Amino acid sequence: MGKGKILFVNQEIMPFAGEGANARFGRYLPQYVQEQGREIRVFMPRFSSINERRNQLHEVIRLCGMNLIVNNCDHQLIIKVGSIPQARMQVYFIDNEEYFTKKEGLFDDKGHLVSDADERLLFFCRGALEAVRKLAWKPNIIHFTGWFSCMIPFYMRRINKDNAFFSGSKCVITLTGDSFPDKFDVDIAKKMKNDGATAKDLRLFENLDYLRLMKGAITYSQGVIIGSPDVNPELIKHAKECKRNILEYNENEEQFYAQINRFYELVAGSSINN
């Protein structure tokens, strides 16, 4: 893979959103990988809690003009960019007025999944990949973290059916303890079918909850990173049954990042297919 190109798709990244392990992972791993000489691109959702003025976000004009169809409706894909100067790192934000700008987070004030979480999930993951295509920047590895990024390998498969841009790119998923008890809208299967889901896809993602979402993502990925000590054992078992390349958790952050950087080489050369 040489130096390689790594695309990071994260649910949360400090200091823009989140303060937990996932947000820290999204902030410092890409910086480490970039400092090792790799080329990176980083994407996350532009949640309404992210203050554009304070974070100096601005729209990427050359990526304007894209629309995505979700649930048979056209939705404008807006790409914005901000930076983390001390890391010399740019972060691209996937935005849309209906799904992000005018709405709160992914859970309501009672801690339940919001009703349109499924559509936001589909829009974000597809939007990130479409933006990368428009940038004409082909990654060797797509590393995604956080359940809100876990439709990335599904869209990789669907996009590659009609366009070979991502041919040869491999997916790596980070598993953490970010589970929730709710189920997604029952119509998500119909919405996925409109996006080209096959019968196999729909079997994996039917009656969709957190575990089934993550298992589907594992099934269609080539590498699995155990990103925290509280990962659901059922997910680790599934990764082993699928015979995926697996990197175990290491509480020493600096060592862990170095191991992940080497793990990309293993996954890039992997013969695992889905």
Protein backbone atom coordinates (compact mmCIF):
# COMPACT_ATOMS: atom_id res chain seq x y z
CA MET A 1 0.00 0.00 0.00
CA GLY A 2 3.00 2.30 0.34
CA LYS A 3 2.11 5.40 2.27
CA GLY A 4 -1.52 4.84 1.38
CA LYS A 5 -4.66 6.93 1.52
CA ILE A 6 -6.94 6.53 4.54
CA LEU A 7 -10.50 7.85 4.61
CA PHE A 8 -11.86 8.35 8.12
CA VAL A 9 -15.63 8.53 8.57
CA ASN A 10 -16.45 9.33 12.18
CA GLN A 11 -19.65 9.93 14.11
CA GLU A 12 -17.87 12.29 16.51
CA ILE A 13 -14.62 14.23 16.50
CA MET A 14 -13.24 16.53 19.19
CA PRO A 15 -13.52 19.48 19.47
CA PHE A 16 -16.52 19.69 17.13
CA ALA A 17 -18.78 17.09 18.75
CA GLY A 18 -18.52 14.67 21.65
CA GLU A 19 -16.09 14.34 24.51
CA GLY A 20 -15.95 10.57 24.94
CA ALA A 21 -13.69 7.83 23.65
CA ASN A 22 -15.12 7.86 20.10
CA ALA A 23 -14.61 11.62 19.74
CA ARG A 24 -11.06 11.38 21.05
CA PHE A 25 -10.36 8.46 18.71
CA GLY A 26 -11.73 10.52 15.79
CA ARG A 27 -9.51 13.45 16.73
CA TYR A 28 -6.14 11.84 17.45
CA LEU A 29 -5.94 8.71 15.28
CA PRO A 30 -6.15 10.59 11.95
CA GLN A 31 -3.50 13.03 13.18
CA TYR A 32 -1.19 10.16 14.12
CA VAL A 33 -1.73 8.41 10.78
CA GLN A 34 -1.07 11.64 8.89
CA GLU A 35 2.15 12.19 10.85
CA GLN A 36 3.31 8.75 9.70
CA GLY A 37 3.25 10.05 6.12
CA ARG A 38 -0.14 8.82 4.97
CA GLU A 39 -2.63 10.97 3.11
CA ILE A 40 -5.97 11.31 4.91
CA ARG A 41 -9.47 12.71 4.50
CA VAL A 42 -11.82 13.01 7.48
CA PHE A 43 -15.64 13.20 7.43
CA MET A 44 -18.31 13.59 10.11
CA PRO A 45 -21.97 14.79 10.32
CA ARG A 46 -22.66 18.51 10.78
CA PHE A 47 -24.95 18.11 13.79
CA SER A 48 -26.95 21.20 14.78
CA SER A 49 -24.94 21.44 18.01
CA ILE A 50 -21.83 22.33 16.00
CA ASN A 51 -21.50 26.11 15.89
CA GLU A 52 -20.41 27.11 12.39
CA ARG A 53 -19.12 30.57 13.33
CA ARG A 54 -17.13 29.41 16.36
CA ASN A 55 -15.61 26.51 14.40
CA GLN A 56 -15.12 28.62 11.25
CA LEU A 57 -16.91 26.19 8.94
CA HIS A 58 -17.46 27.16 5.35
CA GLU A 59 -19.13 25.50 2.39
CA VAL A 60 -16.95 23.74 -0.16
CA ILE A 61 -18.08 25.40 -3.38
CA ARG A 62 -16.58 22.83 -5.73
CA LEU A 63 -18.65 20.11 -4.04
CA CYS A 64 -21.93 21.99 -4.39
CA GLY A 65 -24.83 20.90 -6.57
CA MET A 66 -25.27 17.31 -5.41
CA ASN A 67 -28.63 15.87 -4.38
CA LEU A 68 -29.29 12.46 -2.85
CA ILE A 69 -32.59 10.59 -3.02
CA VAL A 70 -33.65 9.13 0.33
CA ASN A 71 -37.08 7.54 0.70
CA ASN A 72 -38.01 8.75 -2.80
CA CYS A 73 -37.32 12.39 -1.91
CA ASP A 74 -34.55 14.67 -3.14
CA HIS A 75 -32.27 16.02 -0.41
CA GLN A 76 -29.51 18.55 -0.97
CA LEU A 77 -26.05 17.37 -0.01
CA ILE A 78 -24.08 20.22 1.53
CA ILE A 79 -20.37 19.79 2.23
CA LYS A 80 -18.63 22.11 4.67
CA VAL A 81 -15.08 22.10 5.93
CA GLY A 82 -13.34 23.15 9.12
CA SER A 83 -9.88 22.64 10.48
CA ILE A 84 -7.99 21.62 13.58
CA PRO A 85 -4.93 23.92 13.23
CA GLN A 86 -2.81 22.26 15.91
CA ALA A 87 -3.19 18.96 14.03
CA ARG A 88 -2.88 20.51 10.55
CA MET A 89 -5.98 18.53 9.72
CA GLN A 90 -9.12 19.40 7.77
CA VAL A 91 -12.50 17.90 8.61
CA TYR A 92 -15.32 17.69 6.06
CA PHE A 93 -18.89 17.92 7.34
CA ILE A 94 -21.93 16.30 5.72
CA ASP A 95 -24.88 18.65 6.08
CA ASN A 96 -28.49 18.98 5.04
CA GLU A 97 -31.07 21.44 6.35
CA GLU A 98 -33.78 18.85 6.95
CA TYR A 99 -31.63 16.14 8.53
CA PHE A 100 -29.02 18.13 10.44
CA THR A 101 -29.14 21.94 10.47
CA LYS A 102 -32.70 22.31 11.77
CA LYS A 103 -32.77 19.25 14.01
CA GLU A 104 -31.22 18.16 17.26
CA GLY A 105 -29.07 15.04 17.75
CA LEU A 106 -29.81 11.38 17.13
CA PHE A 107 -31.65 10.82 20.43
CA ASP A 108 -34.57 12.73 21.95
CA ASP A 109 -34.68 14.20 25.46
CA LYS A 110 -35.79 10.81 26.83
CA GLY A 111 -32.83 9.02 25.30
CA HIS A 112 -34.75 7.32 22.49
CA LEU A 113 -33.64 7.15 18.88
CA VAL A 114 -35.29 9.93 16.84
CA SER A 115 -37.90 8.83 14.30
CA ASP A 116 -35.87 9.71 11.20
CA ALA A 117 -32.54 8.35 12.46
CA ASP A 118 -32.61 5.73 9.71
CA GLU A 119 -32.84 8.33 6.94
CA ARG A 120 -30.13 10.47 8.51
CA LEU A 121 -27.91 7.37 8.75
CA LEU A 122 -28.41 6.51 5.08
CA PHE A 123 -27.93 10.10 3.97
CA PHE A 124 -24.73 10.62 5.95
CA CYS A 125 -22.98 7.42 4.85
CA ARG A 126 -23.90 7.75 1.21
CA GLY A 127 -23.13 11.47 1.30
CA ALA A 128 -19.61 10.91 2.62
CA LEU A 129 -18.79 8.45 -0.15
CA GLU A 130 -20.32 10.63 -2.86
CA ALA A 131 -18.28 13.60 -1.64
CA VAL A 132 -15.09 11.55 -1.79
CA ARG A 133 -15.94 10.51 -5.34
CA LYS A 134 -16.46 14.12 -6.34
CA LEU A 135 -13.10 14.98 -4.78
CA ALA A 136 -11.63 12.27 -7.06
CA TRP A 137 -9.67 11.00 -4.07
CA LYS A 138 -9.63 7.20 -4.01
CA PRO A 139 -8.80 5.71 -0.58
CA ASN A 140 -6.97 2.45 0.03
CA ILE A 141 -8.73 2.05 3.38
CA ILE A 142 -12.06 3.42 4.61
CA HIS A 143 -11.99 3.40 8.41
CA PHE A 144 -15.33 4.17 10.05
CA THR A 145 -16.13 4.63 13.74
CA GLY A 146 -19.46 5.06 15.55
CA TRP A 147 -22.76 3.34 14.72
CA PHE A 148 -23.87 6.36 12.66
CA SER A 149 -21.17 5.53 10.09
CA CYS A 150 -21.99 1.83 9.78
CA MET A 151 -23.81 1.89 6.44
CA ILE A 152 -20.51 2.77 4.76
CA PRO A 153 -19.73 -0.81 3.59
CA PHE A 154 -23.32 -1.28 2.35
CA TYR A 155 -23.01 1.79 0.12
CA MET A 156 -19.52 0.74 -0.93
CA ARG A 157 -21.05 -2.43 -2.38
CA ARG A 158 -23.93 -0.64 -4.05
CA ILE A 159 -21.80 2.17 -5.51
CA ASN A 160 -19.24 -0.30 -6.87
CA LYS A 161 -21.96 -2.13 -8.78
CA ASP A 162 -22.41 0.90 -11.03
CA ASN A 163 -19.09 2.69 -10.62
CA ALA A 164 -15.64 1.21 -10.09
CA PHE A 165 -14.24 4.25 -8.28
CA PHE A 166 -13.92 2.38 -4.95
CA SER A 167 -12.69 -0.84 -6.54
CA GLY A 168 -9.90 -2.24 -4.36
CA SER A 169 -10.73 -0.01 -1.36
CA LYS A 170 -11.09 -1.97 1.90
CA CYS A 171 -13.31 -1.24 4.90
CA VAL A 172 -12.23 -1.22 8.55
CA ILE A 173 -14.79 -0.87 11.34
CA THR A 174 -14.06 0.20 14.91
CA LEU A 175 -16.27 -1.50 17.50
CA THR A 176 -16.96 0.39 20.73
CA GLY A 177 -19.53 0.31 23.51
CA ASP A 178 -21.91 2.79 21.83
CA SER A 179 -25.01 0.54 21.87
CA PHE A 180 -28.62 1.64 22.33
CA PRO A 181 -31.80 -0.43 22.89
CA ASP A 182 -34.14 1.04 20.25
CA LYS A 183 -34.96 -0.31 16.80
CA PHE A 184 -34.91 1.66 13.58
CA ASP A 185 -38.03 2.45 11.58
CA VAL A 186 -39.47 -0.70 10.02
CA ASP A 187 -39.44 1.00 6.61
CA ILE A 188 -35.65 1.18 6.50
CA ALA A 189 -35.56 -2.03 4.44
CA LYS A 190 -37.76 -0.38 1.81
CA LYS A 191 -35.51 2.70 1.79
CA MET A 192 -32.42 0.51 1.41
CA LYS A 193 -34.06 -1.40 -1.42
CA ASN A 194 -34.55 1.89 -3.24
CA ASP A 195 -30.78 2.35 -2.88
CA GLY A 196 -30.09 -0.99 -4.54
CA ALA A 197 -30.06 -3.37 -1.57
CA THR A 198 -30.03 -7.04 -2.56
CA ALA A 199 -31.99 -9.82 -0.87
CA LYS A 200 -28.84 -10.69 1.09
CA ASP A 201 -28.49 -7.09 2.27
CA LEU A 202 -32.08 -7.00 3.43
CA ARG A 203 -31.74 -10.27 5.35
CA LEU A 204 -28.75 -8.82 7.21
CA PHE A 205 -30.46 -5.56 8.04
CA GLU A 206 -34.08 -6.60 8.61
CA ASN A 207 -35.71 -5.82 11.97
CA LEU A 208 -32.80 -3.45 12.42
CA ASP A 209 -31.39 -2.63 15.83
CA TYR A 210 -27.89 -1.78 17.04
CA LEU A 211 -26.58 -5.36 17.01
CA ARG A 212 -27.91 -6.15 13.54
CA LEU A 213 -26.55 -2.86 12.19
CA MET A 214 -23.09 -3.59 13.51
CA LYS A 215 -23.15 -7.23 12.42
CA GLY A 216 -24.08 -6.17 8.90
CA ALA A 217 -21.20 -3.69 8.87
CA ILE A 218 -18.79 -6.36 10.10
CA THR A 219 -19.99 -8.81 7.44
CA TYR A 220 -19.21 -6.34 4.66
CA SER A 221 -15.88 -5.12 6.08
CA GLN A 222 -12.41 -6.62 5.80
CA GLY A 223 -10.97 -5.43 9.12
CA VAL A 224 -12.38 -5.11 12.65
CA ILE A 225 -10.77 -3.06 15.42
CA ILE A 226 -11.85 -3.64 19.02
CA GLY A 227 -11.81 0.01 20.05
CA SER A 228 -12.81 -0.22 23.72
CA PRO A 229 -13.00 -2.80 26.54
CA ASP A 230 -16.84 -2.69 26.62
CA VAL A 231 -17.61 -3.99 23.12
CA ASN A 232 -20.56 -6.38 23.01
CA PRO A 233 -19.08 -9.94 23.02
CA GLU A 234 -21.66 -10.99 20.44
CA LEU A 235 -20.08 -8.62 17.92
CA ILE A 236 -16.59 -9.98 18.57
CA LYS A 237 -17.93 -13.51 18.16
CA HIS A 238 -19.56 -12.52 14.85
CA ALA A 239 -16.30 -11.01 13.58
CA LYS A 240 -14.45 -14.23 14.38
CA GLU A 241 -17.15 -16.37 12.74
CA CYS A 242 -16.82 -14.20 9.62
CA LYS A 243 -13.03 -14.76 9.79
CA ARG A 244 -12.31 -11.05 9.62
CA ASN A 245 -8.90 -9.54 10.30
CA ILE A 246 -9.19 -8.47 13.95
CA LEU A 247 -7.07 -6.07 16.01
CA GLU A 248 -7.52 -6.40 19.77
CA TYR A 249 -7.93 -3.42 22.09
CA ASN A 250 -4.85 -1.85 23.65
CA GLU A 251 -5.35 0.63 26.49
CA ASN A 252 -2.02 2.30 25.69
CA GLU A 253 -3.18 4.91 23.21
CA GLU A 254 0.15 5.56 21.51
CA GLN A 255 0.85 1.84 21.05
CA PHE A 256 -2.71 1.28 19.83
CA TYR A 257 -2.47 3.94 17.15
CA ALA A 258 0.80 2.44 15.92
CA GLN A 259 -0.81 -1.01 15.81
CA ILE A 260 -3.77 0.37 13.85
CA ASN A 261 -1.44 2.04 11.36
CA ARG A 262 0.25 -1.32 10.76
CA PHE A 263 -3.12 -3.07 10.67
CA TYR A 264 -4.06 -1.04 7.59
CA GLU A 265 -1.28 -2.80 5.69
CA LEU A 266 -2.67 -6.20 6.67
CA VAL A 267 -6.20 -5.27 5.62
CA ALA A 268 -5.06 -3.63 2.37
CA GLY A 269 -3.38 -6.90 1.37
CA SER A 270 -6.24 -9.07 2.58
CA SER A 271 -7.96 -11.46 0.17
CA ILE A 272 -11.21 -11.34 2.18
CA ASN A 273 -14.20 -10.72 -0.10
CA ASN A 274 -17.89 -10.34 0.65
